[in-house]
Protein backbone atom coordinates (compact mmCIF):
# COMPACT_ATOMS: atom_id res chain seq x y z
CA MET A 1 -44.79 22.87 -77.20
CA THR A 2 -42.59 19.47 -77.41
CA GLU A 3 -39.42 19.20 -76.32
CA GLY A 4 -38.07 15.31 -77.10
CA PRO A 5 -40.02 13.04 -75.14
CA ILE A 6 -42.06 15.47 -73.04
CA ARG A 7 -45.04 17.81 -74.33
CA THR A 8 -46.14 21.26 -72.86
CA ARG A 9 -49.09 22.99 -73.24
CA ARG A 10 -49.76 26.46 -71.44
CA GLU A 11 -53.00 28.31 -70.72
CA GLY A 12 -52.83 31.55 -68.68
CA GLY A 13 -51.03 30.51 -65.51
CA ILE A 14 -51.55 26.63 -65.80
CA LEU A 15 -48.70 24.35 -67.27
CA GLU A 16 -49.51 20.70 -68.35
CA VAL A 17 -46.54 18.59 -69.04
CA THR A 18 -47.25 15.41 -70.49
CA ILE A 19 -44.61 12.69 -70.76
CA ASP A 20 -44.54 10.98 -74.28
CA ARG A 21 -41.99 8.51 -74.52
CA PRO A 22 -43.18 5.31 -76.23
CA LYS A 23 -43.79 2.43 -75.47
CA ALA A 24 -44.43 3.21 -71.82
CA ASN A 25 -43.32 6.68 -70.46
CA ALA A 26 -40.42 5.39 -69.16
CA ILE A 27 -37.72 7.83 -68.23
CA ASP A 28 -34.03 7.62 -68.93
CA LEU A 29 -31.56 10.29 -68.09
CA VAL A 30 -32.29 12.99 -71.04
CA THR A 31 -35.78 12.67 -70.26
CA SER A 32 -35.16 13.79 -66.52
CA ARG A 33 -33.02 16.34 -67.37
CA ILE A 34 -35.10 17.78 -69.59
CA MET A 35 -38.00 17.13 -67.24
CA GLY A 36 -35.48 19.17 -64.62
CA LYS A 37 -35.39 22.35 -66.92
CA ILE A 38 -39.14 22.34 -67.59
CA PHE A 39 -39.99 22.29 -63.81
CA GLN A 40 -37.22 24.38 -62.59
CA ASP A 41 -38.28 27.07 -65.79
CA PHE A 42 -42.30 26.72 -64.04
CA ARG A 43 -40.83 27.18 -60.66
CA ASP A 44 -39.06 30.67 -61.63
CA ASP A 45 -41.73 32.21 -64.46
CA ASP A 46 -43.92 34.24 -61.66
CA THR A 47 -46.71 34.04 -64.53
CA LEU A 48 -46.85 30.45 -63.84
CA ARG A 49 -49.42 29.32 -61.01
CA VAL A 50 -49.99 25.76 -61.25
CA ALA A 51 -48.63 22.27 -63.01
CA ILE A 52 -50.43 19.38 -64.38
CA ILE A 53 -48.57 16.49 -64.80
CA THR A 54 -49.66 13.12 -66.96
CA GLY A 55 -48.49 10.45 -69.25
CA ALA A 56 -49.48 10.52 -73.40
CA GLY A 57 -51.65 7.56 -74.06
CA GLU A 58 -54.45 5.15 -72.05
CA LYS A 59 -52.00 2.59 -70.69
CA PHE A 60 -48.98 4.40 -69.03
CA PHE A 61 -48.65 7.49 -66.76
CA CYS A 62 -45.08 6.45 -66.15
CA PRO A 63 -43.17 3.11 -65.01
CA GLY A 64 -40.08 5.00 -63.72
CA TRP A 65 -36.55 4.26 -64.77
CA ASP A 66 -36.05 2.89 -68.48
CA LEU A 67 -34.47 -0.56 -67.80
CA LYS A 68 -33.65 -0.90 -71.35
CA ALA A 69 -31.99 2.58 -71.36
CA ALA A 70 -30.04 1.19 -68.37
CA ALA A 71 -28.78 -1.80 -69.60
CA ALA A 72 -27.41 0.36 -72.97
CA GLY A 73 -25.62 2.27 -70.29
CA ASP A 74 -27.21 4.85 -68.41
CA ALA A 75 -26.22 4.64 -64.78
CA VAL A 76 -28.68 4.73 -62.29
CA ASP A 77 -26.76 6.94 -60.34
CA GLY A 78 -25.85 9.12 -63.46
CA ASP A 79 -26.79 12.94 -64.08
CA TYR A 80 -30.75 13.04 -63.65
CA GLY A 81 -30.48 16.96 -64.12
CA VAL A 82 -32.17 19.50 -61.76
CA GLY A 83 -34.40 18.23 -59.48
CA GLY A 84 -33.22 14.68 -59.54
CA PHE A 85 -35.18 11.59 -61.18
CA GLY A 86 -38.39 12.99 -63.02
CA GLY A 87 -37.34 16.66 -62.54
CA MET A 88 -39.57 17.71 -59.18
CA GLN A 89 -38.47 15.41 -56.39
CA GLU A 90 -35.27 17.44 -55.35
CA LEU A 91 -36.29 20.88 -56.56
CA ARG A 92 -35.49 23.22 -54.47
CA ASP A 93 -38.16 25.88 -53.21
CA LEU A 94 -40.66 24.24 -55.89
CA ASN A 95 -43.45 26.31 -54.06
CA LYS A 96 -46.20 25.89 -56.36
CA PRO A 97 -49.32 23.43 -56.90
CA ILE A 98 -48.82 20.57 -59.08
CA ILE A 99 -51.37 17.71 -59.96
CA ALA A 100 -51.03 14.36 -61.16
CA ALA A 101 -53.44 12.82 -63.66
CA ILE A 102 -52.62 9.21 -63.49
CA ASN A 103 -53.71 8.01 -66.64
CA GLY A 104 -52.61 4.26 -66.51
CA ILE A 105 -49.91 2.08 -64.73
CA CYS A 106 -47.89 4.25 -62.43
CA CYS A 107 -44.97 2.25 -60.50
CA GLY A 108 -41.56 2.34 -59.59
CA GLY A 109 -39.95 5.87 -60.08
CA GLY A 110 -43.52 6.56 -61.81
CA PHE A 111 -45.21 6.48 -58.74
CA GLU A 112 -42.15 8.48 -56.78
CA ILE A 113 -43.03 11.18 -59.13
CA ALA A 114 -46.63 11.42 -58.40
CA LEU A 115 -45.83 11.41 -54.59
CA SER A 116 -43.79 14.52 -55.40
CA THR A 117 -46.76 16.19 -56.39
CA ASP A 118 -49.53 17.86 -53.87
CA MET A 119 -52.71 16.23 -55.51
CA ILE A 120 -53.29 12.57 -57.15
CA LEU A 121 -56.57 12.13 -59.33
CA ALA A 122 -56.62 9.01 -61.06
CA ALA A 123 -58.50 7.33 -64.05
CA GLU A 124 -60.57 4.43 -63.05
CA HIS A 125 -58.24 1.70 -64.76
CA ALA A 126 -54.99 3.27 -63.04
CA THR A 127 -52.50 0.77 -61.15
CA PHE A 128 -50.07 1.81 -58.41
CA ALA A 129 -46.65 -0.17 -57.64
CA LEU A 130 -43.00 -0.35 -56.29
CA PRO A 131 -42.03 -3.62 -57.89
CA GLU A 132 -38.17 -2.66 -57.26
CA ILE A 133 -37.60 -5.38 -54.75
CA ARG A 134 -38.25 -7.88 -57.64
CA SER A 135 -35.10 -6.28 -59.61
CA GLY A 136 -32.77 -6.36 -56.49
CA THR A 137 -33.15 -2.59 -55.58
CA VAL A 138 -34.45 0.29 -53.42
CA ALA A 139 -37.49 2.47 -54.01
CA ASP A 140 -35.26 4.68 -52.49
CA ALA A 141 -37.54 8.17 -52.29
CA ALA A 142 -40.71 6.28 -52.03
CA SER A 143 -39.13 4.53 -48.87
CA ILE A 144 -38.80 7.81 -47.43
CA LYS A 145 -42.22 9.58 -48.20
CA LEU A 146 -44.77 6.59 -48.54
CA PRO A 147 -44.63 5.63 -45.06
CA LYS A 148 -45.18 9.36 -44.07
CA ARG A 149 -48.29 9.38 -46.28
CA ILE A 150 -50.18 6.08 -45.87
CA PRO A 151 -50.44 3.82 -42.87
CA TYR A 152 -46.76 2.45 -42.00
CA HIS A 153 -47.87 -1.40 -42.76
CA ILE A 154 -49.43 -0.70 -46.28
CA ALA A 155 -46.21 1.53 -47.19
CA MET A 156 -44.05 -1.57 -46.15
CA ASP A 157 -46.62 -4.27 -47.86
CA MET A 158 -45.80 -2.08 -51.28
CA LEU A 159 -42.42 -2.17 -50.64
CA PHE A 160 -41.69 -5.85 -49.37
CA THR A 161 -43.88 -7.33 -52.03
CA GLY A 162 -44.22 -4.91 -54.66
CA ARG A 163 -47.60 -5.96 -55.08
CA TRP A 164 -49.84 -3.74 -57.19
CA LEU A 165 -53.17 -1.43 -55.99
CA ASP A 166 -55.90 -0.56 -58.29
CA ALA A 167 -57.14 3.47 -58.00
CA GLU A 168 -59.83 2.23 -55.50
CA GLU A 169 -57.25 1.20 -52.93
CA GLY A 170 -55.11 4.18 -53.48
CA HIS A 171 -58.19 6.18 -52.82
CA ARG A 172 -58.90 4.27 -49.45
CA TRP A 173 -55.42 4.71 -48.28
CA GLY A 174 -55.32 8.30 -49.30
CA PHE A 175 -53.08 8.80 -51.83
CA VAL A 176 -55.37 9.43 -54.55
CA ASN A 177 -57.68 12.26 -54.14
CA GLU A 178 -60.16 11.47 -56.92
CA ILE A 179 -60.90 8.58 -59.10
CA LEU A 180 -62.46 9.62 -62.67
CA PRO A 181 -63.56 8.11 -65.86
CA ALA A 182 -60.44 7.82 -68.44
CA ASP A 183 -62.16 10.34 -70.45
CA LYS A 184 -62.81 12.82 -67.68
CA LEU A 185 -59.46 12.71 -65.84
CA LEU A 186 -57.68 15.83 -67.60
CA ASP A 187 -60.97 18.08 -67.57
CA ARG A 188 -61.06 17.40 -63.85
CA ALA A 189 -57.13 17.84 -63.62
CA TRP A 190 -57.90 21.27 -65.67
CA GLU A 191 -60.76 22.45 -63.76
CA LEU A 192 -59.20 22.11 -60.40
CA ALA A 193 -55.93 23.69 -61.73
CA ARG A 194 -58.18 26.49 -62.36
CA LEU A 195 -59.68 26.80 -59.38
CA LEU A 196 -55.66 26.83 -57.72
CA GLU A 197 -54.65 29.60 -60.40
CA SER A 198 -57.37 32.18 -58.97
CA GLY A 199 -56.20 31.35 -55.82
CA PRO A 200 -53.71 33.38 -53.70
CA PRO A 201 -49.59 32.07 -54.75
CA LEU A 202 -47.85 33.68 -52.14
CA VAL A 203 -49.99 31.46 -49.55
CA TYR A 204 -49.83 28.69 -51.92
CA ALA A 205 -46.19 29.29 -51.44
CA ALA A 206 -46.31 29.63 -47.76
CA ILE A 207 -48.62 26.45 -47.22
CA LYS A 208 -45.37 24.08 -48.93
CA GLU A 209 -42.89 25.61 -46.86
CA VAL A 210 -44.19 25.01 -43.77
CA VAL A 211 -45.66 21.68 -44.74
CA ARG A 212 -42.04 20.65 -46.13
CA GLU A 213 -40.18 22.25 -42.97
CA ALA A 214 -42.56 20.62 -40.76
CA GLU A 215 -42.02 17.00 -41.89
CA GLY A 216 -39.13 16.78 -39.93
CA ALA A 217 -39.40 18.86 -37.04
CA LYS A 218 -41.36 19.47 -33.69
CA PHE A 219 -44.71 21.38 -34.16
CA GLN A 220 -43.55 24.17 -31.73
CA ASP A 221 -40.25 24.69 -33.42
CA THR A 222 -42.21 24.96 -36.57
CA MET A 223 -44.56 27.62 -35.16
CA ASN A 224 -42.01 29.37 -33.61
CA ARG A 225 -40.12 29.89 -37.00
CA ILE A 226 -43.47 30.73 -38.73
CA THR A 227 -44.18 33.27 -35.91
CA LYS A 228 -40.78 35.02 -35.70
CA ARG A 229 -40.96 35.04 -40.03
CA GLN A 230 -37.91 32.94 -40.52
CA LEU A 231 -39.42 30.89 -43.33
CA ARG A 232 -38.85 32.67 -46.60
CA THR A 233 -42.59 32.27 -48.07
CA VAL A 234 -44.13 33.17 -44.84
CA ASP A 235 -41.85 36.77 -44.44
CA ILE A 236 -43.01 37.58 -47.98
CA LEU A 237 -46.79 36.72 -47.14
CA TYR A 238 -46.93 38.39 -44.12
CA GLY A 239 -45.00 41.54 -45.98
CA SER A 240 -47.36 41.56 -48.75
CA GLU A 241 -49.79 43.36 -50.95
CA ASP A 242 -52.09 40.28 -51.20
CA GLN A 243 -52.14 39.90 -47.22
CA LEU A 244 -53.83 43.10 -47.23
CA GLU A 245 -56.08 42.67 -50.28
CA GLY A 246 -57.36 39.32 -48.56
CA ALA A 247 -58.03 41.43 -45.20
CA ARG A 248 -59.95 44.27 -47.39
CA ALA A 249 -61.77 41.96 -49.37
CA PHE A 250 -63.14 40.03 -46.92
CA ALA A 251 -63.84 43.43 -45.06
CA GLU A 252 -65.71 44.88 -48.03
CA LYS A 253 -67.44 41.54 -49.12
CA ARG A 254 -66.02 40.98 -52.36
CA ASP A 255 -63.60 38.63 -54.08
CA PRO A 256 -59.94 39.20 -53.82
CA VAL A 257 -57.81 40.20 -56.50
CA TRP A 258 -54.49 38.41 -56.02
CA LYS A 259 -50.98 39.82 -57.68
CA GLY A 260 -48.47 37.57 -56.18
CA LYS A 261 -46.77 40.36 -54.55
């Protein structure tokens, strides 16, 4: 299905989202709002389990904010839609796995979108940067996220200088999970998505909420909230049929059948 500059494809419980906005897959306000609606629907559809996000073509994943649209009147603090820029960065309760398949240049807001996903696969020719410093602005989301994901001094190097990293360096610092030949990138993303699709959705949701809540909290405070079932997804999981199914399947030495309830 095509909705303006965004193409989607669904297979079973997997949703593939492709940014297709020539020439560079840059995102303007309209595109961001479309992406927000897509990821909101993905979040709220119980039959969808995993999403993949990628870019059209072989050169660009996404360079982020469309500066030409900004020059034509799009305000940098305009209405990006639900979920903020790119549709997922600020979308509450997005507790499903998302895989980024980086097929080329991934910089600025495009890199921030990738950092909002749970796993990053990169084509061998993919490159990464935060060039906002050169245009006199701040990579806001990346300034929050990146120093928590990779060594502080490497993150600050990227933020202060805007230098480019290739896929190998991204893998070395830990924000790239796997590097693939370009023609194998989406195949591997779908292989991984199918693996996750077969897993327990309530557990994925609990993992994502625990990780998110623990990010700015003390270890014991978060543990106490888990054991007291004060996190919504954990409470749902501990009272679910899937929790019992997991134990039964282990005891009966069979594969579990997850229902998501």
